[in-house]
Amino acid sequence: MNLSKKTIIITGASSGIGAEAAIQLAQAGATVCLIARRADELQKIQATIQAQAGQVFIYPADITDAEQLKACLDKILSEHQKIDVLVNNAARSIRRPILESLDRLHDYERTMQINYFAAVNMTLHLLPHFLANASGHIVNISTMSTQVPIPLFSAYLASKSALESFSRSLSMELKGKGIDVSIVYFPMVRTPMSSKTAIYKHMKMLDTPAAAGWIVKAIEKKSYRVSSKTGLVANALLNTAPTWAMNLSRPLFQLMDQRLKKKLKTDEA
């Protein structure tokens, strides 16, 4: 697909996968509209893209605030005749056992606020524009961790699973009206968000440029699902033999955590 005439909105675009995807899409000729809370970081990405002769516009906003989200999208729609793609990339992750979350309902609430409600709100606000043009593409970012049984991320995974269910309904209802939907199932990616968890220092991860390439692929191919082969196999096992898959995964993840913690202690010694 030729991206030279596409205008693409990317949330969470001030760093990590979102920033790299913005750079790659601009290099492919797309006009990118970048949304994030941190104006100074957006300005850095804007300068990088402009130095490469790319077309980029920045819109600092907190999309968990409904008024800011609406004002941001109203401004984008007033400045751009046609929006072609929305990439719901903004997210937060929390790694915490459920038994350490008994008095932390706010962890679940704030994770849902950005990972699910903000993405849904962005989509609902843009759908009239997409429908008026009889075309539009919504790319929702998920995680391979919803395809396999994963401990310790219950708040994060619940929010991403909700977004996936919304995406399926969206595709079923609106595909015939020119609306395409894609879900990108990332494995662990080396980003500022994942780097906050110290024991992941020694975990093998996808690098940020490669991860951004998955988003570009989703936009170019309009694939409903972009996933690793490991994720596809694990998801098939979880759906066909859930008890077996859960029983197999539980000790494997415990062993992985033990090994990562051991390596971290070695570093600190």
C-alpha atoms as a PDB file:
ATOM      1  CA  MET A   1       0.000   0.000   0.000  1.00  0.00           C
ATOM      2  CA  ASN A   2       1.179   3.506  -0.833  1.00  0.00           C
ATOM      3  CA  LEU A   3       1.213   5.498   2.405  1.00  0.00           C
ATOM      4  CA  SER A   4       2.107   8.814   0.778  1.00  0.00           C
ATOM      5  CA  LYS A   5      -1.470  10.057   0.851  1.00  0.00           C
ATOM      6  CA  LYS A   6      -2.410   8.610   4.238  1.00  0.00           C
ATOM      7  CA  THR A   7      -2.933  10.670   7.365  1.00  0.00           C
ATOM      8  CA  ILE A   8      -2.405   8.619  10.502  1.00  0.00           C
ATOM      9  CA  ILE A   9      -3.135   9.398  14.154  1.00  0.00           C
ATOM     10  CA  ILE A  10      -0.901   7.699  16.711  1.00  0.00           C
ATOM     11  CA  THR A  11      -1.504   7.904  20.454  1.00  0.00           C
ATOM     12  CA  GLY A  12       1.276   7.376  22.955  1.00  0.00           C
ATOM     13  CA  ALA A  13       3.671   8.739  20.357  1.00  0.00           C
ATOM     14  CA  SER A  14       6.188  10.547  22.559  1.00  0.00           C
ATOM     15  CA  SER A  15       8.470   7.537  23.111  1.00  0.00           C
ATOM     16  CA  GLY A  16       8.920   3.813  22.583  1.00  0.00           C
ATOM     17  CA  ILE A  17       6.953   1.957  19.923  1.00  0.00           C
ATOM     18  CA  GLY A  18       4.661   4.889  19.142  1.00  0.00           C
ATOM     19  CA  ALA A  19       7.527   7.275  18.459  1.00  0.00           C
ATOM     20  CA  GLU A  20       9.391   4.753  16.302  1.00  0.00           C
ATOM     21  CA  ALA A  21       6.220   3.878  14.376  1.00  0.00           C
ATOM     22  CA  ALA A  22       5.686   7.581  13.693  1.00  0.00           C
ATOM     23  CA  ILE A  23       9.197   7.868  12.264  1.00  0.00           C
ATOM     24  CA  GLN A  24       8.814   4.775  10.070  1.00  0.00           C
ATOM     25  CA  LEU A  25       5.387   5.801   8.782  1.00  0.00           C
ATOM     26  CA  ALA A  26       6.617   9.305   7.982  1.00  0.00           C
ATOM     27  CA  GLN A  27       9.577   7.781   6.130  1.00  0.00           C
ATOM     28  CA  ALA A  28       7.045   5.764   4.114  1.00  0.00           C
ATOM     29  CA  GLY A  29       5.369   9.032   3.101  1.00  0.00           C
ATOM     30  CA  ALA A  30       2.466   9.211   5.539  1.00  0.00           C
ATOM     31  CA  THR A  31       1.408  12.369   7.339  1.00  0.00           C
ATOM     32  CA  VAL A  32       1.474  11.566  11.059  1.00  0.00           C
ATOM     33  CA  CYS A  33      -0.534  13.255  13.814  1.00  0.00           C
ATOM     34  CA  LEU A  34       1.064  12.486  17.155  1.00  0.00           C
ATOM     35  CA  ILE A  35      -0.753  12.536  20.490  1.00  0.00           C
ATOM     36  CA  ALA A  36       0.799  12.220  23.948  1.00  0.00           C
ATOM     37  CA  ARG A  37       0.823  14.094  27.235  1.00  0.00           C
ATOM     38  CA  ARG A  38       4.451  15.257  27.093  1.00  0.00           C
ATOM     39  CA  ALA A  39       4.721  18.189  24.704  1.00  0.00           C
ATOM     40  CA  ASP A  40       8.521  18.397  25.011  1.00  0.00           C
ATOM     41  CA  GLU A  41       8.959  14.767  23.998  1.00  0.00           C
ATOM     42  CA  LEU A  42       6.537  15.168  21.100  1.00  0.00           C
ATOM     43  CA  GLN A  43       8.563  18.152  19.912  1.00  0.00           C
ATOM     44  CA  LYS A  44      11.701  15.976  19.828  1.00  0.00           C
ATOM     45  CA  ILE A  45       9.977  13.362  17.663  1.00  0.00           C
ATOM     46  CA  GLN A  46       8.586  16.120  15.467  1.00  0.00           C
ATOM     47  CA  ALA A  47      12.079  17.558  14.965  1.00  0.00           C
ATOM     48  CA  THR A  48      13.458  14.131  14.067  1.00  0.00           C
ATOM     49  CA  ILE A  49      10.765  13.555  11.438  1.00  0.00           C
ATOM     50  CA  GLN A  50      11.041  17.075  10.022  1.00  0.00           C
ATOM     51  CA  ALA A  51      14.809  16.646   9.692  1.00  0.00           C
ATOM     52  CA  GLN A  52      14.019  13.733   7.379  1.00  0.00           C
ATOM     53  CA  ALA A  53      11.552  15.882   5.388  1.00  0.00           C
ATOM     54  CA  GLY A  54       8.575  14.059   6.864  1.00  0.00           C
ATOM     55  CA  GLN A  55       5.097  15.470   7.438  1.00  0.00           C
ATOM     56  CA  VAL A  56       4.270  15.565  11.165  1.00  0.00           C
ATOM     57  CA  PHE A  57       1.875  17.416  13.457  1.00  0.00           C
ATOM     58  CA  ILE A  58       1.812  17.175  17.251  1.00  0.00           C
ATOM     59  CA  TYR A  59      -1.141  17.426  19.622  1.00  0.00           C
ATOM     60  CA  PRO A  60      -0.259  17.321  23.325  1.00  0.00           C
ATOM     61  CA  ALA A  61      -3.206  15.955  25.318  1.00  0.00           C
ATOM     62  CA  ASP A  62      -4.136  13.575  28.099  1.00  0.00           C
ATOM     63  CA  ILE A  63      -6.567  11.247  26.343  1.00  0.00           C
ATOM     64  CA  THR A  64      -7.819   9.827  29.644  1.00  0.00           C
ATOM     65  CA  ASP A  65      -9.481  13.227  30.098  1.00  0.00           C
ATOM     66  CA  ALA A  66     -12.633  13.183  27.954  1.00  0.00           C
ATOM     67  CA  GLU A  67     -12.644  16.949  27.376  1.00  0.00           C
ATOM     68  CA  GLN A  68      -8.993  17.023  26.329  1.00  0.00           C
ATOM     69  CA  LEU A  69      -9.526  14.047  24.022  1.00  0.00           C
ATOM     70  CA  LYS A  70     -12.490  15.690  22.293  1.00  0.00           C
ATOM     71  CA  ALA A  71     -10.698  19.031  21.944  1.00  0.00           C
ATOM     72  CA  CYS A  72      -7.640  17.271  20.523  1.00  0.00           C
ATOM     73  CA  LEU A  73      -9.621  15.330  17.925  1.00  0.00           C
ATOM     74  CA  ASP A  74     -11.708  18.377  17.018  1.00  0.00           C
ATOM     75  CA  LYS A  75      -8.467  20.246  16.304  1.00  0.00           C
ATOM     76  CA  ILE A  76      -7.057  17.387  14.232  1.00  0.00           C
ATOM     77  CA  LEU A  77     -10.238  17.099  12.166  1.00  0.00           C
ATOM     78  CA  SER A  78     -10.291  20.862  11.585  1.00  0.00           C
ATOM     79  CA  GLU A  79      -6.685  20.821  10.338  1.00  0.00           C
ATOM     80  CA  HIS A  80      -6.781  17.676   8.193  1.00  0.00           C
ATOM     81  CA  GLN A  81      -9.349  17.010   5.505  1.00  0.00           C
ATOM     82  CA  LYS A  82      -9.233  13.236   5.870  1.00  0.00           C
ATOM     83  CA  ILE A  83      -7.957  10.869   8.542  1.00  0.00           C
ATOM     84  CA  ASP A  84      -7.185   7.385   7.238  1.00  0.00           C
ATOM     85  CA  VAL A  85      -5.844   5.454  10.225  1.00  0.00           C
ATOM     86  CA  LEU A  86      -6.096   5.578  14.020  1.00  0.00           C
ATOM     87  CA  VAL A  87      -3.405   3.711  15.963  1.00  0.00           C
ATOM     88  CA  ASN A  88      -4.480   3.223  19.590  1.00  0.00           C
ATOM     89  CA  ASN A  89      -0.999   2.701  21.005  1.00  0.00           C
ATOM     90  CA  ALA A  90      -1.062   4.608  24.316  1.00  0.00           C
ATOM     91  CA  ALA A  91      -0.945   2.221  27.258  1.00  0.00           C
ATOM     92  CA  ARG A  92       0.359   1.528  30.714  1.00  0.00           C
ATOM     93  CA  SER A  93       1.382  -1.766  32.294  1.00  0.00           C
ATOM     94  CA  ILE A  94       1.446  -2.831  35.942  1.00  0.00           C
ATOM     95  CA  ARG A  95       3.303  -5.925  37.143  1.00  0.00           C
ATOM     96  CA  ARG A  96       1.878  -6.905  40.505  1.00  0.00           C
ATOM     97  CA  PRO A  97       0.519 -10.171  41.979  1.00  0.00           C
ATOM     98  CA  ILE A  98      -3.225 -10.202  42.624  1.00  0.00           C
ATOM     99  CA  LEU A  99      -2.658 -10.941  46.320  1.00  0.00           C
ATOM    100  CA  GLU A 100      -0.620  -7.722  46.558  1.00  0.00           C
ATOM    101  CA  SER A 101      -3.452  -5.807  44.880  1.00  0.00           C
ATOM    102  CA  LEU A 102      -6.254  -6.470  47.343  1.00  0.00           C
ATOM    103  CA  ASP A 103      -6.378  -2.806  48.391  1.00  0.00           C
ATOM    104  CA  ARG A 104      -5.305  -1.433  44.999  1.00  0.00           C
ATOM    105  CA  LEU A 105      -8.445  -1.322  42.880  1.00  0.00           C
ATOM    106  CA  HIS A 106      -7.082   1.933  41.477  1.00  0.00           C
ATOM    107  CA  ASP A 107      -4.423  -0.068  39.613  1.00  0.00           C
ATOM    108  CA  TYR A 108      -7.164  -1.755  37.619  1.00  0.00           C
ATOM    109  CA  GLU A 109      -9.104   1.475  37.162  1.00  0.00           C
ATOM    110  CA  ARG A 110      -6.216   3.541  35.829  1.00  0.00           C
ATOM    111  CA  THR A 111      -5.046   0.737  33.547  1.00  0.00           C
ATOM    112  CA  MET A 112      -8.527   0.389  32.068  1.00  0.00           C
ATOM    113  CA  GLN A 113      -8.745   4.163  31.731  1.00  0.00           C
ATOM    114  CA  ILE A 114      -5.842   4.451  29.288  1.00  0.00           C
ATOM    115  CA  ASN A 115      -5.673   0.978  27.732  1.00  0.00           C
ATOM    116  CA  TYR A 116      -9.391   0.506  27.126  1.00  0.00           C
ATOM    117  CA  PHE A 117     -11.642   3.511  27.716  1.00  0.00           C
ATOM    118  CA  ALA A 118      -9.337   6.047  26.050  1.00  0.00           C
ATOM    119  CA  ALA A 119      -8.918   3.790  23.002  1.00  0.00           C
ATOM    120  CA  VAL A 120     -12.659   3.223  22.767  1.00  0.00           C
ATOM    121  CA  ASN A 121     -13.337   6.944  23.172  1.00  0.00           C
ATOM    122  CA  MET A 122     -10.829   7.781  20.425  1.00  0.00           C
ATOM    123  CA  THR A 123     -12.521   5.252  18.157  1.00  0.00           C
ATOM    124  CA  LEU A 124     -16.066   6.426  18.854  1.00  0.00           C
ATOM    125  CA  HIS A 125     -15.138  10.030  18.141  1.00  0.00           C
ATOM    126  CA  LEU A 126     -13.503   9.153  14.808  1.00  0.00           C
ATOM    127  CA  LEU A 127     -16.088   6.680  13.528  1.00  0.00           C
ATOM    128  CA  PRO A 128     -18.455   9.355  12.125  1.00  0.00           C
ATOM    129  CA  HIS A 129     -15.529  10.754  10.117  1.00  0.00           C
ATOM    130  CA  PHE A 130     -14.577   7.299   8.836  1.00  0.00           C
ATOM    131  CA  LEU A 131     -18.177   6.463   7.964  1.00  0.00           C
ATOM    132  CA  ALA A 132     -18.631   9.751   6.108  1.00  0.00           C
ATOM    133  CA  ASN A 133     -15.641   8.824   3.940  1.00  0.00           C
ATOM    134  CA  ALA A 134     -16.673   5.152   3.692  1.00  0.00           C
ATOM    135  CA  SER A 135     -13.141   4.215   4.741  1.00  0.00           C
ATOM    136  CA  GLY A 136     -11.023   4.060   7.845  1.00  0.00           C
ATOM    137  CA  HIS A 137      -8.627   1.779   9.658  1.00  0.00           C
ATOM    138  CA  ILE A 138      -8.351   1.269  13.418  1.00  0.00           C
ATOM    139  CA  VAL A 139      -5.187  -0.418  14.703  1.00  0.00           C
ATOM    140  CA  ASN A 140      -5.429  -1.513  18.330  1.00  0.00           C
ATOM    141  CA  ILE A 141      -2.275  -2.544  20.157  1.00  0.00           C
ATOM    142  CA  SER A 142      -2.469  -5.624  22.339  1.00  0.00           C
ATOM    143  CA  THR A 143       0.031  -8.125  23.698  1.00  0.00           C
ATOM    144  CA  MET A 144       1.034 -11.723  23.167  1.00  0.00           C
ATOM    145  CA  SER A 145       0.368 -12.119  26.876  1.00  0.00           C
ATOM    146  CA  THR A 146      -3.369 -12.319  26.142  1.00  0.00           C
ATOM    147  CA  GLN A 147      -2.665 -15.324  23.909  1.00  0.00           C
ATOM    148  CA  VAL A 148      -0.994 -17.362  26.645  1.00  0.00           C
ATOM    149  CA  PRO A 149      -1.615 -17.849  30.388  1.00  0.00           C
ATOM    150  CA  ILE A 150       0.502 -15.138  32.070  1.00  0.00           C
ATOM    151  CA  PRO A 151       0.755 -14.352  35.806  1.00  0.00           C
ATOM    152  CA  LEU A 152       1.413 -11.012  37.532  1.00  0.00           C
ATOM    153  CA  PHE A 153      -0.193  -8.683  34.951  1.00  0.00           C
ATOM    154  CA  SER A 154      -3.898  -9.102  35.720  1.00  0.00           C
ATOM    155  CA  ALA A 155      -4.773  -5.383  35.428  1.00  0.00           C
ATOM    156  CA  TYR A 156      -2.895  -4.921  32.155  1.00  0.00           C
ATOM    157  CA  LEU A 157      -4.138  -8.131  30.548  1.00  0.00           C
ATOM    158  CA  ALA A 158      -7.761  -7.518  31.535  1.00  0.00           C
ATOM    159  CA  SER A 159      -7.666  -4.102  29.846  1.00  0.00           C
ATOM    160  CA  LYS A 160      -6.090  -5.477  26.674  1.00  0.00           C
ATOM    161  CA  SER A 161      -8.549  -8.389  26.553  1.00  0.00           C
ATOM    162  CA  ALA A 162     -11.400  -5.893  26.776  1.00  0.00           C
ATOM    163  CA  LEU A 163      -9.921  -3.930  23.872  1.00  0.00           C
ATOM    164  CA  GLU A 164      -9.633  -7.109  21.802  1.00  0.00           C
ATOM    165  CA  SER A 165     -13.299  -7.967  22.380  1.00  0.00           C
ATOM    166  CA  PHE A 166     -14.295  -4.437  21.380  1.00  0.00           C
ATOM    167  CA  SER A 167     -12.123  -4.790  18.255  1.00  0.00           C
ATOM    168  CA  ARG A 168     -13.856  -8.009  17.224  1.00  0.00           C
ATOM    169  CA  SER A 169     -17.296  -6.435  17.557  1.00  0.00           C
ATOM    170  CA  LEU A 170     -16.095  -3.372  15.676  1.00  0.00           C
ATOM    171  CA  SER A 171     -14.869  -5.497  12.781  1.00  0.00           C
ATOM    172  CA  MET A 172     -17.999  -7.650  12.689  1.00  0.00           C
ATOM    173  CA  GLU A 173     -20.319  -4.642  12.626  1.00  0.00           C
ATOM    174  CA  LEU A 174     -18.443  -2.181  10.405  1.00  0.00           C
ATOM    175  CA  LYS A 175     -16.279  -4.125   7.950  1.00  0.00           C
ATOM    176  CA  GLY A 176     -19.055  -3.829   5.369  1.00  0.00           C
ATOM    177  CA  LYS A 177     -19.038  -0.047   5.789  1.00  0.00           C
ATOM    178  CA  GLY A 178     -15.390   0.355   4.799  1.00  0.00           C
ATOM    179  CA  ILE A 179     -13.932   0.190   8.315  1.00  0.00           C
ATOM    180  CA  ASP A 180     -10.903  -2.095   8.767  1.00  0.00           C
ATOM    181  CA  VAL A 181      -9.692  -3.259  12.176  1.00  0.00           C
ATOM    182  CA  SER A 182      -6.304  -4.679  13.128  1.00  0.00           C
ATOM    183  CA  ILE A 183      -5.010  -6.052  16.426  1.00  0.00           C
ATOM    184  CA  VAL A 184      -1.243  -6.177  16.956  1.00  0.00           C
ATOM    185  CA  TYR A 185      -0.118  -8.766  19.512  1.00  0.00           C
ATOM    186  CA  PHE A 186       3.327  -7.681  20.629  1.00  0.00           C
ATOM    187  CA  PRO A 187       5.651  -9.972  22.553  1.00  0.00           C
ATOM    188  CA  MET A 188       7.775  -8.263  25.188  1.00  0.00           C
ATOM    189  CA  VAL A 189       9.388  -5.185  23.628  1.00  0.00           C
ATOM    190  CA  ARG A 190      12.408  -3.294  24.952  1.00  0.00           C
ATOM    191  CA  THR A 191      10.784   0.066  25.750  1.00  0.00           C
ATOM    192  CA  PRO A 192      10.847   2.603  28.603  1.00  0.00           C
ATOM    193  CA  MET A 193       7.687   0.908  29.948  1.00  0.00           C
ATOM    194  CA  SER A 194       9.140  -2.611  30.063  1.00  0.00           C
ATOM    195  CA  SER A 195      12.472  -1.306  31.382  1.00  0.00           C
ATOM    196  CA  LYS A 196      10.768  -0.204  34.604  1.00  0.00           C
ATOM    197  CA  THR A 197      10.739  -3.867  35.676  1.00  0.00           C
ATOM    198  CA  ALA A 198      14.317  -4.548  36.745  1.00  0.00           C
ATOM    199  CA  ILE A 199      14.308  -8.342  36.312  1.00  0.00           C
ATOM    200  CA  TYR A 200      13.467  -7.964  32.612  1.00  0.00           C
ATOM    201  CA  LYS A 201      16.962  -6.638  31.979  1.00  0.00           C
ATOM    202  CA  HIS A 202      18.101 -10.109  30.913  1.00  0.00           C
ATOM    203  CA  MET A 203      14.919 -11.175  29.099  1.00  0.00           C
ATOM    204  CA  LYS A 204      15.089 -11.556  25.349  1.00  0.00           C
ATOM    205  CA  MET A 205      12.785  -8.932  23.838  1.00  0.00           C
ATOM    206  CA  LEU A 206      11.791  -7.502  20.490  1.00  0.00           C
ATOM    207  CA  ASP A 207      13.568  -4.211  19.811  1.00  0.00           C
ATOM    208  CA  THR A 208      11.551  -1.041  19.297  1.00  0.00           C
ATOM    209  CA  PRO A 209      12.225  -0.540  15.551  1.00  0.00           C
ATOM    210  CA  ALA A 210      11.152  -4.125  14.822  1.00  0.00           C
ATOM    211  CA  ALA A 211       8.000  -3.688  16.914  1.00  0.00           C
ATOM    212  CA  ALA A 212       7.145  -0.460  15.092  1.00  0.00           C
ATOM    213  CA  GLY A 213       7.474  -2.399  11.853  1.00  0.00           C
ATOM    214  CA  TRP A 214       4.573  -4.593  12.984  1.00  0.00           C
ATOM    215  CA  ILE A 215       2.350  -1.497  13.126  1.00  0.00           C
ATOM    216  CA  VAL A 216       3.494  -0.458   9.650  1.00  0.00           C
ATOM    217  CA  LYS A 217       2.710  -3.992   8.436  1.00  0.00           C
ATOM    218  CA  ALA A 218      -0.775  -3.866   9.979  1.00  0.00           C
ATOM    219  CA  ILE A 219      -1.494  -0.596   8.160  1.00  0.00           C
ATOM    220  CA  GLU A 220      -0.052  -1.725   4.830  1.00  0.00           C
ATOM    221  CA  LYS A 221      -1.703  -5.157   4.789  1.00  0.00           C
ATOM    222  CA  LYS A 222      -4.869  -4.270   6.731  1.00  0.00           C
ATOM    223  CA  SER A 223      -4.445  -7.626   8.472  1.00  0.00           C
ATOM    224  CA  TYR A 224      -6.955  -8.301  11.230  1.00  0.00           C
ATOM    225  CA  ARG A 225      -4.236  -9.907  13.346  1.00  0.00           C
ATOM    226  CA  VAL A 226      -0.476  -9.312  13.463  1.00  0.00           C
ATOM    227  CA  SER A 227       1.154 -11.830  15.779  1.00  0.00           C
ATOM    228  CA  SER A 228       4.220 -13.982  16.328  1.00  0.00           C
ATOM    229  CA  LYS A 229       4.045 -17.669  15.465  1.00  0.00           C
ATOM    230  CA  THR A 230       4.618 -18.454  19.134  1.00  0.00           C
ATOM    231  CA  GLY A 231       1.580 -16.394  20.076  1.00  0.00           C
ATOM    232  CA  LEU A 232      -0.596 -18.098  17.475  1.00  0.00           C
ATOM    233  CA  VAL A 233       0.408 -21.590  18.622  1.00  0.00           C
ATOM    234  CA  ALA A 234       0.001 -20.726  22.306  1.00  0.00           C
ATOM    235  CA  ASN A 235      -3.406 -19.194  21.675  1.00  0.00           C
ATOM    236  CA  ALA A 236      -4.551 -22.285  19.777  1.00  0.00           C
ATOM    237  CA  LEU A 237      -3.449 -24.491  22.669  1.00  0.00           C
ATOM    238  CA  LEU A 238      -5.153 -22.257  25.218  1.00  0.00           C
ATOM    239  CA  ASN A 239      -8.418 -22.374  23.262  1.00  0.00           C
ATOM    240  CA  THR A 240      -8.405 -26.125  22.580  1.00  0.00           C
ATOM    241  CA  ALA A 241      -6.786 -27.497  25.744  1.00  0.00           C
ATOM    242  CA  PRO A 242      -7.007 -24.747  28.391  1.00  0.00           C
ATOM    243  CA  THR A 243      -6.434 -26.905  31.474  1.00  0.00           C
ATOM    244  CA  TRP A 244      -3.360 -28.521  29.961  1.00  0.00           C
ATOM    245  CA  ALA A 245      -2.021 -25.166  28.740  1.00  0.00           C
ATOM    246  CA  MET A 246      -2.509 -23.522  32.148  1.00  0.00           C
ATOM    247  CA  ASN A 247      -0.887 -26.406  34.027  1.00  0.00           C
ATOM    248  CA  LEU A 248       2.073 -26.405  31.639  1.00  0.00           C
ATOM    249  CA  SER A 249       2.604 -22.648  31.693  1.00  0.00           C
ATOM    250  CA  ARG A 250       2.439 -22.105  35.445  1.00  0.00           C
ATOM    251  CA  PRO A 251       5.747 -23.809  36.409  1.00  0.00           C
ATOM    252  CA  LEU A 252       7.484 -22.494  33.283  1.00  0.00           C
ATOM    253  CA  PHE A 253       6.804 -18.872  34.230  1.00  0.00           C
ATOM    254  CA  GLN A 254       7.827 -19.524  37.828  1.00  0.00           C
ATOM    255  CA  LEU A 255      11.123 -20.952  36.599  1.00  0.00           C
ATOM    256  CA  MET A 256      11.657 -18.019  34.234  1.00  0.00           C
ATOM    257  CA  ASP A 257      11.137 -15.513  37.053  1.00  0.00           C
ATOM    258  CA  GLN A 258      13.563 -17.382  39.286  1.00  0.00           C
ATOM    259  CA  ARG A 259      16.259 -17.356  36.620  1.00  0.00           C
ATOM    260  CA  LEU A 260      15.792 -13.665  35.843  1.00  0.00           C
ATOM    261  CA  LYS A 261      15.950 -12.751  39.540  1.00  0.00           C
ATOM    262  CA  LYS A 262      19.111 -14.827  39.930  1.00  0.00           C
ATOM    263  CA  LYS A 263      20.775 -13.010  37.041  1.00  0.00           C
ATOM    264  CA  LEU A 264      19.769  -9.656  38.516  1.00  0.00           C
ATOM    265  CA  LYS A 265      21.284 -10.575  41.896  1.00  0.00           C
ATOM    266  CA  THR A 266      24.491 -11.571  40.113  1.00  0.00           C
ATOM    267  CA  ASP A 267      24.618  -8.110  38.525  1.00  0.00           C
ATOM    268  CA  GLU A 268      24.151  -6.446  41.923  1.00  0.00           C
ATOM    269  CA  ALA A 269      26.786  -8.577  43.671  1.00  0.00           C
END
